[in-house]
C-alpha atoms as a PDB file:
ATOM      1  CA  MET A   1     123.785  19.894 -25.321  1.00  0.00           C
ATOM      2  CA  TYR A   2     127.435  20.557 -24.667  1.00  0.00           C
ATOM      3  CA  TYR A   3     129.596  22.754 -26.865  1.00  0.00           C
ATOM      4  CA  SER A   4     133.144  21.953 -27.761  1.00  0.00           C
ATOM      5  CA  GLU A   5     135.898  24.262 -26.563  1.00  0.00           C
ATOM      6  CA  THR A   6     136.483  25.378 -30.166  1.00  0.00           C
ATOM      7  CA  LYS A   7     132.875  26.502 -30.619  1.00  0.00           C
ATOM      8  CA  VAL A   8     132.954  28.435 -27.338  1.00  0.00           C
ATOM      9  CA  ILE A   9     136.176  30.243 -28.318  1.00  0.00           C
ATOM     10  CA  MET A  10     134.860  30.971 -31.824  1.00  0.00           C
ATOM     11  CA  GLY A  11     131.639  32.377 -30.351  1.00  0.00           C
ATOM     12  CA  GLY A  12     133.603  34.587 -27.973  1.00  0.00           C
ATOM     13  CA  LEU A  13     135.835  35.872 -30.746  1.00  0.00           C
ATOM     14  CA  ALA A  14     132.810  36.590 -32.914  1.00  0.00           C
ATOM     15  CA  HIS A  15     131.465  38.956 -30.256  1.00  0.00           C
ATOM     16  CA  VAL A  16     134.678  40.984 -29.862  1.00  0.00           C
ATOM     17  CA  PRO A  17     134.013  43.259 -32.884  1.00  0.00           C
ATOM     18  CA  ILE A  18     130.489  43.905 -31.603  1.00  0.00           C
ATOM     19  CA  LEU A  19     131.836  44.937 -28.184  1.00  0.00           C
ATOM     20  CA  ILE A  20     134.450  47.182 -29.817  1.00  0.00           C
ATOM     21  CA  PHE A  21     131.728  48.831 -31.909  1.00  0.00           C
ATOM     22  CA  ILE A  22     129.585  49.493 -28.815  1.00  0.00           C
ATOM     23  CA  ALA A  23     132.578  50.907 -26.894  1.00  0.00           C
ATOM     24  CA  ASN A  24     133.480  53.251 -29.766  1.00  0.00           C
ATOM     25  CA  PHE A  25     129.846  54.334 -30.130  1.00  0.00           C
ATOM     26  CA  VAL A  26     129.627  55.268 -26.443  1.00  0.00           C
ATOM     27  CA  LYS A  27     133.012  57.013 -26.611  1.00  0.00           C
ATOM     28  CA  GLY A  28     131.849  59.048 -29.606  1.00  0.00           C
ATOM     29  CA  LYS A  29     128.682  60.124 -27.795  1.00  0.00           C
ATOM     30  CA  PHE A  30     130.689  61.400 -24.825  1.00  0.00           C
ATOM     31  CA  GLU A  31     133.127  63.244 -27.101  1.00  0.00           C
ATOM     32  CA  SER A  32     130.270  65.023 -28.884  1.00  0.00           C
ATOM     33  CA  ILE A  33     128.728  66.021 -25.548  1.00  0.00           C
ATOM     34  CA  ALA A  34     132.108  67.278 -24.299  1.00  0.00           C
ATOM     35  CA  ALA A  35     132.551  69.370 -27.445  1.00  0.00           C
ATOM     36  CA  LYS A  36     129.252  71.157 -26.757  1.00  0.00           C
ATOM     37  CA  LEU A  37     130.219  72.119 -23.203  1.00  0.00           C
ATOM     38  CA  ILE A  38     131.499  75.621 -22.610  1.00  0.00           C
ATOM     39  CA  GLU A  39     134.790  75.864 -20.822  1.00  0.00           C
ATOM     40  CA  VAL A  40     134.682  78.178 -17.830  1.00  0.00           C
ATOM     41  CA  LYS A  41     137.754  80.343 -17.442  1.00  0.00           C
ATOM     42  CA  GLU A  42     139.047  80.855 -13.943  1.00  0.00           C
ATOM     43  CA  GLU A  43     139.752  84.468 -13.116  1.00  0.00           C
ATOM     44  CA  ASP A  44     141.495  86.014 -10.146  1.00  0.00           C
ATOM     45  CA  PRO A  45     139.073  87.724  -7.798  1.00  0.00           C
ATOM     46  CA  LYS A  46     139.236  91.506  -7.955  1.00  0.00           C
ATOM     47  CA  VAL A  47     139.911  92.391  -4.335  1.00  0.00           C
ATOM     48  CA  LYS A  48     141.373  95.641  -3.098  1.00  0.00           C
ATOM     49  CA  VAL A  49     144.079  94.980  -0.519  1.00  0.00           C
ATOM     50  CA  VAL A  50     144.248  97.548   2.278  1.00  0.00           C
ATOM     51  CA  LYS A  51     147.378  97.731   4.376  1.00  0.00           C
ATOM     52  CA  VAL A  52     146.575  98.220   8.076  1.00  0.00           C
ATOM     53  CA  GLU A  53     149.178  99.291  10.628  1.00  0.00           C
ATOM     54  CA  LYS A  54     149.476  97.294  13.871  1.00  0.00           C
ATOM     55  CA  GLU A  55     148.783 100.380  15.987  1.00  0.00           C
ATOM     56  CA  GLU A  56     145.421 100.880  14.280  1.00  0.00           C
ATOM     57  CA  LEU A  57     144.393  97.324  15.168  1.00  0.00           C
ATOM     58  CA  LYS A  58     144.911  97.903  18.924  1.00  0.00           C
ATOM     59  CA  ALA A  59     142.527 100.855  19.045  1.00  0.00           C
END
């Protein structure tokens, strides 16, 4: 049985709200997971810089 072009378009348009609902549901799940994650703060390493003279390197 063949479907008219109008029925095919109407069927496609009827599924658009369902696809939008699924996309928003998945987006909401990822946002809730991201809210639970702990943000790691980047800190500068605590390194003591020692100045060495060129003459000391040759020895």
